[in-house]
C-alpha atoms as a PDB file:
ATOM      1  CA  MET A   1     -51.586-252.033  95.796  1.00  0.00           C
ATOM      2  CA  ASP A   2     -48.618-252.949  93.087  1.00  0.00           C
ATOM      3  CA  ILE A   3     -48.928-250.581  90.236  1.00  0.00           C
ATOM      4  CA  ASN A   4     -46.820-252.008  87.709  1.00  0.00           C
ATOM      5  CA  ASP A   5     -46.300-250.695  83.584  1.00  0.00           C
ATOM      6  CA  VAL A   6     -46.224-253.086  80.874  1.00  0.00           C
ATOM      7  CA  VAL A   7     -45.303-251.698  77.063  1.00  0.00           C
ATOM      8  CA  ILE A   8     -47.298-254.353  74.995  1.00  0.00           C
ATOM      9  CA  HIS A   9     -46.420-253.964  70.970  1.00  0.00           C
ATOM     10  CA  VAL A  10     -49.224-254.423  68.539  1.00  0.00           C
ATOM     11  CA  ASN A  11     -48.228-255.527  65.268  1.00  0.00           C
ATOM     12  CA  GLU A  12     -51.427-254.684  63.182  1.00  0.00           C
ATOM     13  CA  SER A  13     -51.443-250.666  62.381  1.00  0.00           C
ATOM     14  CA  LEU A  14     -54.437-249.325  63.711  1.00  0.00           C
ATOM     15  CA  GLY A  15     -55.793-246.250  62.971  1.00  0.00           C
ATOM     16  CA  PRO A  16     -56.975-243.652  65.610  1.00  0.00           C
ATOM     17  CA  GLN A  17     -60.023-245.148  66.192  1.00  0.00           C
ATOM     18  CA  ALA A  18     -59.584-249.034  66.415  1.00  0.00           C
ATOM     19  CA  ARG A  19     -56.566-248.166  69.843  1.00  0.00           C
ATOM     20  CA  HIS A  20     -59.723-245.585  71.022  1.00  0.00           C
ATOM     21  CA  GLU A  21     -61.794-248.833  70.583  1.00  0.00           C
ATOM     22  CA  LEU A  22     -58.778-251.547  72.106  1.00  0.00           C
ATOM     23  CA  GLU A  23     -57.783-249.146  75.112  1.00  0.00           C
ATOM     24  CA  ASP A  24     -61.977-249.076  75.948  1.00  0.00           C
ATOM     25  CA  HIS A  25     -61.140-253.725  76.187  1.00  0.00           C
ATOM     26  CA  MET A  26     -58.151-252.712  78.579  1.00  0.00           C
ATOM     27  CA  ARG A  27     -60.551-250.353  80.695  1.00  0.00           C
ATOM     28  CA  ALA A  28     -62.891-253.024  81.258  1.00  0.00           C
ATOM     29  CA  ILE A  29     -60.183-255.691  82.755  1.00  0.00           C
ATOM     30  CA  ASP A  30     -60.182-255.741  86.544  1.00  0.00           C
ATOM     31  CA  GLY A  31     -57.211-253.600  87.296  1.00  0.00           C
ATOM     32  CA  VAL A  32     -56.191-251.913  84.718  1.00  0.00           C
ATOM     33  CA  ILE A  33     -55.310-248.231  85.584  1.00  0.00           C
ATOM     34  CA  ALA A  34     -54.945-246.903  82.363  1.00  0.00           C
ATOM     35  CA  PRO A  35     -54.590-247.547  78.944  1.00  0.00           C
ATOM     36  CA  ARG A  36     -52.966-245.606  76.766  1.00  0.00           C
ATOM     37  CA  PHE A  37     -51.464-245.550  72.907  1.00  0.00           C
ATOM     38  CA  ASN A  38     -48.306-243.700  72.771  1.00  0.00           C
ATOM     39  CA  ASP A  39     -49.144-240.970  70.644  1.00  0.00           C
ATOM     40  CA  LEU A  40     -45.907-240.992  68.440  1.00  0.00           C
ATOM     41  CA  LYS A  41     -45.194-244.981  68.054  1.00  0.00           C
ATOM     42  CA  THR A  42     -48.599-246.102  67.208  1.00  0.00           C
ATOM     43  CA  HIS A  43     -47.932-249.693  67.855  1.00  0.00           C
ATOM     44  CA  LEU A  44     -47.349-249.910  71.508  1.00  0.00           C
ATOM     45  CA  MET A  45     -49.542-249.259  74.217  1.00  0.00           C
ATOM     46  CA  ILE A  46     -48.723-248.565  77.696  1.00  0.00           C
ATOM     47  CA  VAL A  47     -51.015-249.944  80.568  1.00  0.00           C
ATOM     48  CA  ALA A  48     -50.185-249.320  83.938  1.00  0.00           C
ATOM     49  CA  TYR A  49     -52.319-251.544  86.016  1.00  0.00           C
ATOM     50  CA  ASN A  50     -52.738-252.963  89.467  1.00  0.00           C
ATOM     51  CA  SER A  51     -50.927-256.243  90.024  1.00  0.00           C
ATOM     52  CA  ASP A  52     -53.393-258.081  92.649  1.00  0.00           C
ATOM     53  CA  ARG A  53     -56.129-257.597  90.294  1.00  0.00           C
ATOM     54  CA  THR A  54     -54.860-258.688  87.161  1.00  0.00           C
ATOM     55  CA  ARG A  55     -51.802-260.980  86.102  1.00  0.00           C
ATOM     56  CA  MET A  56     -49.521-259.569  82.406  1.00  0.00           C
ATOM     57  CA  GLY A  57     -51.182-262.493  80.320  1.00  0.00           C
ATOM     58  CA  THR A  58     -54.335-260.878  81.121  1.00  0.00           C
ATOM     59  CA  LEU A  59     -53.381-257.929  79.154  1.00  0.00           C
ATOM     60  CA  LEU A  60     -52.041-259.514  76.184  1.00  0.00           C
ATOM     61  CA  ASP A  61     -55.137-262.580  75.813  1.00  0.00           C
ATOM     62  CA  GLU A  62     -56.869-259.564  75.591  1.00  0.00           C
ATOM     63  CA  VAL A  63     -55.244-257.484  72.435  1.00  0.00           C
ATOM     64  CA  ARG A  64     -55.150-260.697  70.889  1.00  0.00           C
ATOM     65  CA  ARG A  65     -59.086-262.009  71.480  1.00  0.00           C
ATOM     66  CA  GLN A  66     -59.578-259.114  69.798  1.00  0.00           C
ATOM     67  CA  GLY A  67     -57.965-260.183  67.294  1.00  0.00           C
ATOM     68  CA  TYR A  68     -54.117-258.879  66.662  1.00  0.00           C
ATOM     69  CA  THR A  69     -50.996-259.928  67.162  1.00  0.00           C
ATOM     70  CA  ALA A  70     -49.467-258.890  70.710  1.00  0.00           C
ATOM     71  CA  GLN A  71     -46.309-259.099  72.793  1.00  0.00           C
ATOM     72  CA  ALA A  72     -44.999-257.614  75.701  1.00  0.00           C
ATOM     73  CA  CYS A  73     -41.935-255.248  74.893  1.00  0.00           C
ATOM     74  CA  GLY A  74     -41.873-254.289  79.132  1.00  0.00           C
ATOM     75  CA  GLY A  75     -42.562-253.180  82.316  1.00  0.00           C
ATOM     76  CA  MET A  76     -41.665-252.172  85.130  1.00  0.00           C
ATOM     77  CA  SER A  77     -42.638-252.556  88.995  1.00  0.00           C
ATOM     78  CA  VAL A  78     -43.715-248.339  90.295  1.00  0.00           C
END
C-alpha cells in the first residue's frame, strides 16, 4: 500500500458544517484514508489516501463536483 498526502486549497470560505460535509464526501471515495481540514487555515484540506486505489485528480474532481473551486497545493508519499 502506497499512502500519500495531498493538500487541497478550497477557494471558497466554508463554515464548520460545510467542511464536515465535504470531509464526508471525500471519505466515501475508495482509497481515501483521512480527509481533514486544517483548523487554523480553513481553506486547506489534507487528504491521506492510498494511491493504489485512487488518484489526486479524483480527489480534486470530487471537491469540484461539490461546487467548490480547488487546486492541489502539494503532496507527499509516506
